[in-house]
Amino acid sequence: MKPELLQKEAAWKQQTEEGNRLYHLNRYRESISYYYNALEIAEELLTDIDYAYLKTGVPVIDIYIISCNNIAGTYWDLQEPDSSEAYYLKPIQMIEALTQDMQLSRCLRVKASHHLIRVTVSYLDFCKKTRRTVHAGLAAGWQHHLKEKN
């Protein structure tokens, strides 16, 4: 087992918890820097996702999604919807890339695909709440997935 992966997970939790503490104090600008640190750690974990997830049980995909959602929500509270949208889209793009990466284990690709619906619904809720048009790439991607299922 790689102890540095567990150390990274612990560091991610610490950054996220401090960001959450500041967020609940309405100190959004301060909280977002901790959320960015947490996202950076999540991205490092993604580089070794098969090992991290299958051998250590570190929920790398969840960690990445939570990090992006924390940033998106904070930007929303800062009334910066363009930045918020970018961080709602990041997990969708990451998951789509994982599901198509044939070098990853099938188990992990399937796990990633299960998250796709959840993160897409979050993004669609954001679009509805802000009266934004759904990102063109996302709409095309869903049409592709629907054709594959038929």
Protein backbone atom coordinates (compact mmCIF):
# COMPACT_ATOMS: atom_id res chain seq x y z
CA MET A 1 0.00 0.00 0.00
CA LYS A 2 1.19 3.53 -0.72
CA PRO A 3 1.00 5.49 2.55
CA GLU A 4 1.42 8.79 0.68
CA LEU A 5 -2.05 8.29 -0.85
CA LEU A 6 -3.59 8.04 2.61
CA GLN A 7 -1.58 11.09 3.67
CA LYS A 8 -2.92 12.99 0.66
CA GLU A 9 -6.46 11.95 1.55
CA ALA A 10 -5.92 13.22 5.12
CA ALA A 11 -4.50 16.51 3.77
CA TRP A 12 -7.54 16.83 1.46
CA LYS A 13 -9.88 16.36 4.44
CA GLN A 14 -8.01 18.98 6.45
CA GLN A 15 -8.16 21.55 3.62
CA THR A 16 -11.83 20.81 2.99
CA GLU A 17 -12.78 21.03 6.66
CA GLU A 18 -10.99 24.37 7.08
CA GLY A 19 -12.67 25.65 3.92
CA ASN A 20 -16.03 24.51 5.27
CA ARG A 21 -15.37 26.22 8.63
CA LEU A 22 -14.60 29.52 6.90
CA TYR A 23 -17.51 29.09 4.48
CA HIS A 24 -19.96 28.70 7.38
CA LEU A 25 -18.58 31.94 8.82
CA ASN A 26 -19.44 33.59 5.46
CA ARG A 27 -15.74 34.13 4.79
CA TYR A 28 -16.10 32.94 1.21
CA ARG A 29 -12.92 34.45 -0.27
CA GLU A 30 -10.85 32.80 2.44
CA SER A 31 -12.67 29.48 2.17
CA ILE A 32 -12.14 29.24 -1.56
CA SER A 33 -8.35 29.15 -1.19
CA TYR A 34 -8.68 26.03 1.00
CA TYR A 35 -11.07 24.51 -1.52
CA TYR A 36 -8.52 25.16 -4.29
CA ASN A 37 -5.85 23.42 -2.20
CA ALA A 38 -8.21 20.47 -1.73
CA LEU A 39 -8.88 20.33 -5.49
CA GLU A 40 -5.15 20.33 -6.20
CA ILE A 41 -4.76 17.32 -3.89
CA ALA A 42 -7.73 15.61 -5.58
CA GLU A 43 -6.09 16.14 -8.96
CA GLU A 44 -2.87 14.57 -7.64
CA LEU A 45 -4.86 11.56 -6.47
CA LEU A 46 -6.41 11.23 -9.91
CA THR A 47 -2.98 10.57 -11.41
CA ASP A 48 -2.89 7.22 -9.59
CA ILE A 49 -6.63 6.57 -9.51
CA ASP A 50 -6.64 2.82 -10.13
CA TYR A 51 -4.24 2.15 -7.27
CA ALA A 52 -5.74 4.79 -4.97
CA TYR A 53 -9.27 3.54 -5.39
CA LEU A 54 -8.81 -0.21 -5.75
CA LYS A 55 -5.93 -0.81 -3.32
CA THR A 56 -6.43 1.83 -0.62
CA GLY A 57 -10.14 2.53 -0.90
CA VAL A 58 -9.53 6.27 -1.25
CA PRO A 59 -12.73 7.55 -2.94
CA VAL A 60 -10.85 9.64 -5.49
CA ILE A 61 -13.83 10.40 -7.73
CA ASP A 62 -15.94 11.54 -4.77
CA ILE A 63 -13.07 13.68 -3.48
CA TYR A 64 -12.73 15.39 -6.85
CA ILE A 65 -16.49 15.99 -7.17
CA ILE A 66 -16.76 17.40 -3.64
CA SER A 67 -13.82 19.73 -4.27
CA CYS A 68 -15.34 21.07 -7.50
CA ASN A 69 -18.79 21.43 -5.93
CA ASN A 70 -17.35 23.34 -2.97
CA ILE A 71 -15.67 25.80 -5.32
CA ALA A 72 -18.77 26.07 -7.55
CA GLY A 73 -21.03 26.73 -4.57
CA THR A 74 -18.69 29.31 -3.12
CA TYR A 75 -18.48 31.15 -6.43
CA TRP A 76 -22.27 31.08 -6.54
CA ASP A 77 -22.41 32.73 -3.11
CA LEU A 78 -19.86 35.30 -4.31
CA GLN A 79 -22.26 36.03 -7.19
CA GLU A 80 -19.78 34.85 -9.81
CA PRO A 81 -21.95 32.49 -11.91
CA ASP A 82 -19.44 32.10 -14.78
CA SER A 83 -16.80 30.77 -12.39
CA SER A 84 -19.42 28.66 -10.66
CA GLU A 85 -20.45 27.07 -13.95
CA ALA A 86 -16.85 26.19 -14.81
CA TYR A 87 -16.55 24.16 -11.61
CA TYR A 88 -19.87 22.39 -12.15
CA LEU A 89 -18.58 21.31 -15.56
CA LYS A 90 -15.15 20.07 -14.38
CA PRO A 91 -16.38 16.81 -12.79
CA ILE A 92 -18.49 16.01 -15.84
CA GLN A 93 -15.47 16.40 -18.09
CA MET A 94 -13.26 14.37 -15.74
CA ILE A 95 -15.77 11.53 -15.46
CA GLU A 96 -16.33 11.39 -19.22
CA ALA A 97 -12.56 11.10 -19.67
CA LEU A 98 -12.35 8.31 -17.06
CA THR A 99 -15.15 6.29 -18.64
CA GLN A 100 -13.33 6.36 -21.98
CA ASP A 101 -9.86 5.53 -20.59
CA MET A 102 -9.33 1.88 -21.53
CA GLN A 103 -6.17 1.72 -19.45
CA LEU A 104 -8.25 1.99 -16.28
CA SER A 105 -9.86 -1.07 -14.77
CA ARG A 106 -13.38 -1.82 -15.95
CA CYS A 107 -14.55 -1.63 -12.34
CA LEU A 108 -13.33 1.93 -12.05
CA ARG A 109 -14.79 2.99 -15.41
CA VAL A 110 -18.18 1.64 -14.33
CA LYS A 111 -17.89 3.38 -10.96
CA ALA A 112 -17.11 6.63 -12.76
CA SER A 113 -20.10 6.26 -15.07
CA HIS A 114 -22.41 5.95 -12.05
CA HIS A 115 -21.26 9.39 -10.91
CA LEU A 116 -21.96 10.96 -14.30
CA ILE A 117 -25.69 11.24 -13.75
CA ARG A 118 -25.29 12.84 -10.32
CA VAL A 119 -22.85 15.52 -11.46
CA THR A 120 -24.86 16.23 -14.59
CA VAL A 121 -28.03 16.73 -12.55
CA SER A 122 -26.13 19.19 -10.32
CA TYR A 123 -25.05 21.11 -13.39
CA LEU A 124 -28.56 21.06 -14.90
CA ASP A 125 -29.98 22.36 -11.59
CA PHE A 126 -27.43 25.17 -11.75
CA CYS A 127 -28.52 25.98 -15.34
CA LYS A 128 -32.16 26.03 -14.31
CA LYS A 129 -31.48 28.22 -11.28
CA THR A 130 -29.45 30.70 -13.33
CA ARG A 131 -31.54 30.41 -16.49
CA ARG A 132 -28.45 29.49 -18.46
CA THR A 133 -28.34 27.42 -21.60
CA VAL A 134 -26.80 24.01 -21.11
CA HIS A 135 -23.19 23.93 -22.32
CA ALA A 136 -23.18 22.79 -25.97
CA GLY A 137 -20.57 20.10 -25.40
CA LEU A 138 -22.63 18.59 -22.63
CA ALA A 139 -25.78 18.50 -24.73
CA ALA A 140 -23.90 16.78 -27.56
CA GLY A 141 -22.33 14.30 -25.15
CA TRP A 142 -25.69 13.26 -23.77
CA GLN A 143 -27.05 12.77 -27.27
CA HIS A 144 -24.08 10.47 -27.96
CA HIS A 145 -24.73 8.47 -24.74
CA LEU A 146 -28.42 8.10 -25.61
CA LYS A 147 -27.59 6.79 -29.09
CA GLU A 148 -25.21 4.21 -27.56
CA LYS A 149 -27.96 2.89 -25.29
CA ASN A 150 -30.48 2.45 -28.12
